[in-house]
Protein backbone atom coordinates (compact mmCIF):
# COMPACT_ATOMS: atom_id res chain seq x y z
CA MET A 1 8.80 -12.21 -4.99
CA VAL A 2 7.92 -9.34 -2.66
CA ALA A 3 5.66 -6.58 -3.93
CA SER A 4 5.42 -2.86 -3.39
CA MET A 5 2.12 -1.27 -2.38
CA THR A 6 2.48 1.40 -5.06
CA GLY A 7 1.10 0.65 -8.50
CA TYR A 8 -1.23 1.51 -11.36
CA GLY A 9 -3.26 -0.53 -13.82
CA ARG A 10 -5.70 0.17 -16.65
CA GLY A 11 -8.08 -2.21 -18.36
CA GLU A 12 -10.62 -1.80 -21.13
CA ALA A 13 -13.31 -4.14 -22.46
CA ASN A 14 -16.28 -3.85 -24.82
CA GLY A 15 -19.61 -5.61 -24.90
CA GLU A 16 -23.37 -5.21 -24.60
CA GLY A 17 -23.14 -1.88 -26.41
CA LYS A 18 -20.78 -0.45 -23.78
CA SER A 19 -17.08 0.36 -23.47
CA ILE A 20 -15.82 -0.17 -19.91
CA THR A 21 -12.55 1.43 -18.80
CA ILE A 22 -11.21 0.65 -15.32
CA GLU A 23 -8.22 2.39 -13.74
CA ILE A 24 -6.71 1.20 -10.46
CA LYS A 25 -4.23 3.10 -8.31
CA SER A 26 -2.65 1.91 -5.07
CA VAL A 27 -0.49 3.58 -2.44
CA ASN A 28 0.90 2.64 0.97
CA HIS A 29 -1.51 1.79 3.77
CA ARG A 30 -1.23 -0.21 6.95
CA TYR A 31 -4.20 -2.37 5.96
CA LEU A 32 -6.20 -3.08 2.81
CA GLU A 33 -8.55 -0.19 2.09
CA MET A 34 -10.57 0.14 -1.11
CA ALA A 35 -12.71 2.81 -2.72
CA VAL A 36 -14.73 2.03 -5.87
CA ARG A 37 -16.30 4.87 -7.86
CA LEU A 38 -19.25 3.56 -9.86
CA PRO A 39 -22.24 5.18 -11.60
CA ARG A 40 -25.36 4.64 -9.50
CA THR A 41 -26.85 2.26 -12.06
CA TYR A 42 -24.00 -0.21 -11.52
CA VAL A 43 -23.49 0.15 -7.76
CA MET A 44 -24.50 -3.51 -7.40
CA PHE A 45 -21.05 -4.44 -8.76
CA GLU A 46 -19.12 -2.64 -5.99
CA GLU A 47 -18.88 -5.59 -3.59
CA ARG A 48 -17.95 -7.98 -6.38
CA ILE A 49 -15.08 -5.71 -7.42
CA LYS A 50 -13.87 -5.40 -3.83
CA SER A 51 -14.07 -9.16 -3.35
CA TYR A 52 -11.93 -9.69 -6.46
CA LEU A 53 -9.34 -7.22 -5.18
CA LYS A 54 -9.25 -8.85 -1.73
CA ASN A 55 -8.27 -12.13 -3.36
CA THR A 56 -5.32 -10.46 -5.06
CA PHE A 57 -3.95 -7.83 -2.67
CA ALA A 58 -3.17 -7.94 1.06
CA ARG A 59 -2.31 -4.31 1.86
CA GLY A 60 -2.55 -0.83 0.38
CA ARG A 61 -5.02 1.93 -0.31
CA ILE A 62 -6.64 1.03 -3.63
CA ASP A 63 -8.79 3.45 -5.64
CA VAL A 64 -10.85 2.14 -8.55
CA TYR A 65 -12.14 4.52 -11.23
CA ILE A 66 -14.69 3.27 -13.77
CA ASN A 67 -15.79 4.98 -16.97
CA ILE A 68 -18.68 3.68 -19.10
CA GLU A 69 -19.38 4.83 -22.66
CA GLU A 70 -22.09 3.84 -25.13
CA THR A 71 -20.79 2.14 -28.27
CA GLY A 72 -24.03 0.81 -29.77
CA GLU A 73 -27.35 2.33 -30.72
CA ILE A 74 -29.51 3.38 -27.80
CA LYS A 75 -33.00 1.93 -28.14
CA ARG A 76 -35.73 4.47 -27.51
CA ASN A 77 -39.50 4.23 -27.86
CA LEU A 78 -41.95 7.10 -28.35
CA LYS A 79 -45.22 6.89 -26.49
CA VAL A 80 -48.25 9.01 -27.44
CA ASP A 81 -50.82 9.71 -24.74
CA LYS A 82 -53.97 9.40 -26.83
CA GLU A 83 -56.33 10.13 -23.98
CA LEU A 84 -54.43 13.32 -23.19
CA ALA A 85 -54.51 14.26 -26.91
CA MET A 86 -58.27 13.89 -26.99
CA ALA A 87 -58.60 15.96 -23.82
CA TYR A 88 -56.43 18.72 -25.32
CA TYR A 89 -58.47 18.59 -28.55
CA GLU A 90 -61.83 18.87 -26.83
CA SER A 91 -60.65 21.63 -24.48
CA LEU A 92 -59.21 23.72 -27.31
CA LYS A 93 -62.38 23.21 -29.37
CA GLU A 94 -64.50 24.35 -26.42
CA LEU A 95 -62.25 27.39 -25.93
CA ALA A 96 -62.62 28.36 -29.62
CA GLN A 97 -66.41 28.20 -29.36
CA PHE A 98 -66.33 30.30 -26.18
CA LEU A 99 -64.19 32.95 -27.84
CA GLY A 100 -66.22 32.84 -31.04
CA ILE A 101 -63.25 32.12 -33.24
CA GLU A 102 -62.61 29.50 -35.86
CA TYR A 103 -61.19 26.30 -34.42
CA ASN A 104 -58.03 25.40 -36.32
CA ILE A 105 -55.17 23.42 -34.74
CA GLU A 106 -52.52 21.51 -36.61
CA LEU A 107 -51.37 18.07 -35.59
CA MET A 108 -47.78 19.25 -35.02
CA ALA A 109 -48.93 21.97 -32.65
CA LEU A 110 -51.04 19.45 -30.73
CA ALA A 111 -48.07 17.06 -30.50
CA GLN A 112 -45.88 19.75 -28.90
CA LEU A 113 -48.20 20.25 -25.97
CA PRO A 114 -46.80 19.10 -22.56
CA GLU A 115 -46.61 15.33 -21.99
CA MET A 116 -48.26 14.53 -25.29
CA ILE A 117 -45.30 12.48 -26.49
CA THR A 118 -42.75 10.94 -24.12
CA ILE A 119 -39.53 9.02 -24.75
CA GLU A 120 -39.15 5.64 -23.11
CA GLN A 121 -35.60 4.40 -22.59
CA HIS A 122 -34.90 0.75 -23.19
CA GLU A 123 -34.59 -0.93 -19.81
CA GLU A 124 -31.01 -2.20 -19.50
CA ASP A 125 -30.21 -5.64 -18.13
CA VAL A 126 -27.36 -4.55 -15.85
CA GLU A 127 -26.39 -8.10 -14.89
CA GLN A 128 -25.43 -8.92 -18.49
CA LEU A 129 -22.74 -6.24 -18.30
CA TRP A 130 -20.84 -7.88 -15.40
CA PRO A 131 -18.64 -10.10 -17.65
CA VAL A 132 -17.49 -6.95 -19.45
CA PHE A 133 -16.69 -5.29 -16.10
CA LEU A 134 -14.80 -8.39 -14.99
CA GLU A 135 -12.73 -8.55 -18.17
CA ALA A 136 -11.63 -4.91 -17.81
CA LEU A 137 -10.95 -5.43 -14.09
CA LYS A 138 -8.72 -8.47 -14.71
CA ILE A 139 -6.60 -6.55 -17.21
CA ALA A 140 -6.21 -3.58 -14.84
CA VAL A 141 -5.33 -5.82 -11.87
CA GLU A 142 -2.76 -7.82 -13.86
CA GLU A 143 -1.08 -4.60 -14.95
CA MET A 144 -0.97 -3.25 -11.40
CA VAL A 145 0.32 -6.56 -9.99
CA SER A 146 3.14 -6.48 -12.53
CA MET A 147 4.05 -2.92 -11.57
CA ARG A 148 3.94 -3.66 -7.83
CA LEU A 149 6.18 -6.71 -8.29
CA GLU A 150 8.69 -4.74 -10.34
CA GLU A 151 8.80 -2.00 -7.72
CA GLY A 152 9.07 -4.65 -4.98
CA LYS A 153 12.07 -6.18 -6.76
CA LYS A 154 13.87 -2.83 -6.70
CA LEU A 155 13.08 -2.31 -3.02
CA ALA A 156 14.29 -5.80 -2.15
CA THR A 157 17.58 -5.19 -3.97
CA ASP A 158 18.13 -1.99 -2.02
CA LEU A 159 17.24 -3.62 1.31
CA LEU A 160 19.59 -6.55 0.71
CA LYS A 161 22.45 -4.12 0.00
CA ARG A 162 21.77 -2.35 3.28
CA LYS A 163 21.54 -5.69 5.07
CA SER A 164 24.98 -6.66 3.73
CA TYR A 165 26.44 -3.35 4.84
CA ILE A 166 24.96 -3.73 8.35
CA SER A 167 26.39 -7.27 8.53
CA GLU A 168 29.86 -5.92 7.73
CA VAL A 169 29.62 -3.23 10.42
CA MET A 170 28.26 -5.73 12.95
CA GLU A 171 31.26 -7.97 12.25
CA GLU A 172 33.53 -5.01 12.99
CA ILE A 173 31.65 -4.43 16.26
CA LYS A 174 32.07 -8.11 17.15
CA GLU A 175 35.81 -8.01 16.50
CA ARG A 176 36.19 -4.80 18.42
CA SER A 177 34.18 -6.12 21.40
CA HIS A 178 36.85 -8.78 22.03
CA LEU A 179 39.53 -6.11 22.48
CA VAL A 180 37.54 -3.78 24.72
CA VAL A 181 38.08 -5.76 27.94
CA GLU A 182 41.81 -6.14 27.32
CA GLU A 183 42.19 -2.43 26.62
CA TYR A 184 40.15 -1.58 29.69
CA GLN A 185 42.43 -3.72 31.86
CA SER A 186 45.57 -2.10 30.44
CA LYS A 187 44.19 1.41 30.88
CA LEU A 188 43.05 0.62 34.42
CA LEU A 189 46.47 -0.64 35.41
CA ALA A 190 48.20 2.31 33.83
CA ARG A 191 45.89 4.76 35.54
CA ILE A 192 46.33 3.15 38.98
CA GLU A 193 50.09 3.09 38.66
CA GLU A 194 50.09 6.72 37.62
CA LEU A 195 47.97 7.78 40.59
CA LEU A 196 49.85 5.68 43.17
CA ASP A 197 53.30 6.38 41.77
CA SER A 198 53.97 2.72 40.99
CA PRO A 199 53.22 0.96 44.32
CA PRO A 200 52.38 -2.75 44.34
CA VAL A 201 49.01 -3.39 42.64
CA ASP A 202 46.43 -5.83 44.01
CA GLU A 203 46.00 -8.05 40.96
CA ASN A 204 42.93 -9.80 42.42
CA ARG A 205 41.16 -6.46 42.82
CA ILE A 206 42.05 -5.51 39.26
CA ALA A 207 40.82 -8.85 37.97
CA MET A 208 37.52 -8.34 39.80
CA GLU A 209 37.04 -4.86 38.34
CA VAL A 210 37.79 -6.13 34.84
CA ALA A 211 35.38 -9.04 35.30
CA ILE A 212 32.60 -6.69 36.37
CA MET A 213 33.26 -4.44 33.41
CA ALA A 214 33.36 -7.41 31.05
CA GLU A 215 30.01 -8.65 32.36
CA ARG A 216 28.35 -5.26 31.99
CA SER A 217 29.67 -4.69 28.50
CA ASN A 218 29.14 -8.22 27.17
CA ILE A 219 27.14 -7.97 23.92
CA THR A 220 27.46 -11.56 22.73
CA GLU A 221 23.73 -12.30 23.00
CA GLU A 222 22.82 -9.11 21.19
CA LEU A 223 25.28 -9.87 18.40
CA VAL A 224 23.84 -13.38 17.96
CA ARG A 225 20.24 -12.10 17.85
CA MET A 226 21.18 -9.32 15.46
CA SER A 227 22.82 -11.82 13.13
CA SER A 228 19.69 -13.96 13.27
CA HIS A 229 17.48 -10.96 12.45
CA LEU A 230 19.62 -10.09 9.45
CA ASP A 231 19.43 -13.67 8.17
CA GLN A 232 15.64 -13.60 8.64
CA LEU A 233 15.45 -10.32 6.72
CA GLU A 234 17.11 -11.94 3.72
CA ILE A 235 14.84 -14.99 3.94
CA PHE A 236 11.70 -12.81 3.93
CA LEU A 237 12.94 -10.76 0.97
CA SER A 238 13.77 -13.89 -1.01
CA GLY A 239 10.34 -15.45 -0.49
CA ASP A 240 6.89 -14.85 -1.95
CA GLY A 241 3.75 -13.25 -0.61
CA PRO A 242 3.12 -10.30 1.70
CA VAL A 243 6.06 -9.63 4.05
CA GLY A 244 5.59 -5.98 5.01
CA ARG A 245 4.18 -6.57 8.50
CA LYS A 246 6.74 -9.27 9.28
CA LEU A 247 9.59 -6.99 8.22
CA ASP A 248 8.15 -4.11 10.19
CA PHE A 249 8.27 -6.22 13.36
CA LEU A 250 11.75 -7.51 12.49
CA VAL A 251 13.09 -3.97 12.07
CA GLN A 252 11.75 -3.07 15.53
CA GLU A 253 13.69 -6.01 16.99
CA MET A 254 16.83 -4.91 15.15
CA HIS A 255 16.43 -1.45 16.65
CA ARG A 256 16.11 -3.00 20.09
CA GLU A 257 19.31 -5.03 19.75
CA ILE A 258 21.47 -2.22 18.40
CA ASN A 259 20.19 0.15 21.09
CA THR A 260 21.17 -2.38 23.76
CA ILE A 261 24.62 -2.75 22.21
CA GLY A 262 25.00 1.01 22.23
CA SER A 263 23.98 1.32 25.88
CA LYS A 264 26.35 -1.46 26.98
CA SER A 265 29.32 -0.25 25.04
CA ASN A 266 31.87 2.06 26.66
CA ASP A 267 33.98 2.10 23.54
CA LEU A 268 34.12 5.00 21.11
CA ASP A 269 34.75 2.83 18.04
CA ILE A 270 31.75 0.61 18.81
CA SER A 271 29.57 3.64 19.55
CA GLN A 272 30.43 5.15 16.16
CA ARG A 273 29.51 1.92 14.40
CA VAL A 274 26.28 1.70 16.38
CA VAL A 275 25.30 5.10 14.98
CA ILE A 276 25.97 3.83 11.44
CA VAL A 277 23.86 0.71 11.99
CA LYS A 278 20.99 2.75 13.49
CA SER A 279 21.01 4.99 10.43
CA GLU A 280 20.84 2.02 8.05
CA ILE A 281 18.08 0.34 10.06
CA GLU A 282 16.05 3.54 9.90
CA LYS A 283 16.44 3.60 6.11
CA ILE A 284 15.31 -0.03 6.00
CA ARG A 285 12.30 0.84 8.16
CA GLU A 286 11.27 3.60 5.75
CA GLN A 287 11.56 1.27 2.75
CA VAL A 288 9.68 -1.54 4.48
CA GLN A 289 6.66 0.78 4.76
CA ASN A 290 6.37 0.49 0.97
CA LEU A 291 6.18 -3.30 0.91
CA GLU A 292 2.93 -5.24 0.84
């Protein structure tokens, strides 16, 4: 089943005292481009996340947003600088003697002096958190894959309808192309007789003119190639895996064939149908830009 490049997924997992929430958004892009927004502490996981995404997606601009919240108790240790405390104590005692005042300092006041007591954070083992990251990432990716496939299904349905319509118009062009030469011959004869007031007509000369016109306006090869392209379009849309680039090339070839048919045709009815086909091919081209 073909997939769109537009999608969204969200995954959440808990473990190691953390709650990890990962959101993934993707939009159209010619290639696969990824941006992962991680807190600096966990930047080591960026390449692992990108590697996981590369194994799942082929095209699109993918943005990954990660939020980390504490769910457990944060372990903290208090450290008292005893040497600094003794230095403060002796210095204050010396100052009291110098000023001739009674030395009296409470323990709480001493503890509030700069750098007396510091808080030591528990050093986190970042590597242990990777399984939690991976669990949240898998959930988010699965959700986005599902959305991209659903959107791809809708796009494929629309493209197949347009393909069927183009096939109908191309069949009309084919049928009309068989009559163009005959009508040209009849009009040529009528015009010559009108101009020459019905004198004898050189049938060999007329046959030559008609043959030249038929050769110049022959679109059989273009019709065959166009039919092949339309069949290939349906095959791609009915298959699995990335098809966006293949379809993009195929649409260019379809444009080429219909343009050639338009340039060869000297018939108003065919020209009008060529305009219709060009319009539908352009709509297909726009939709193909959304496919992975």
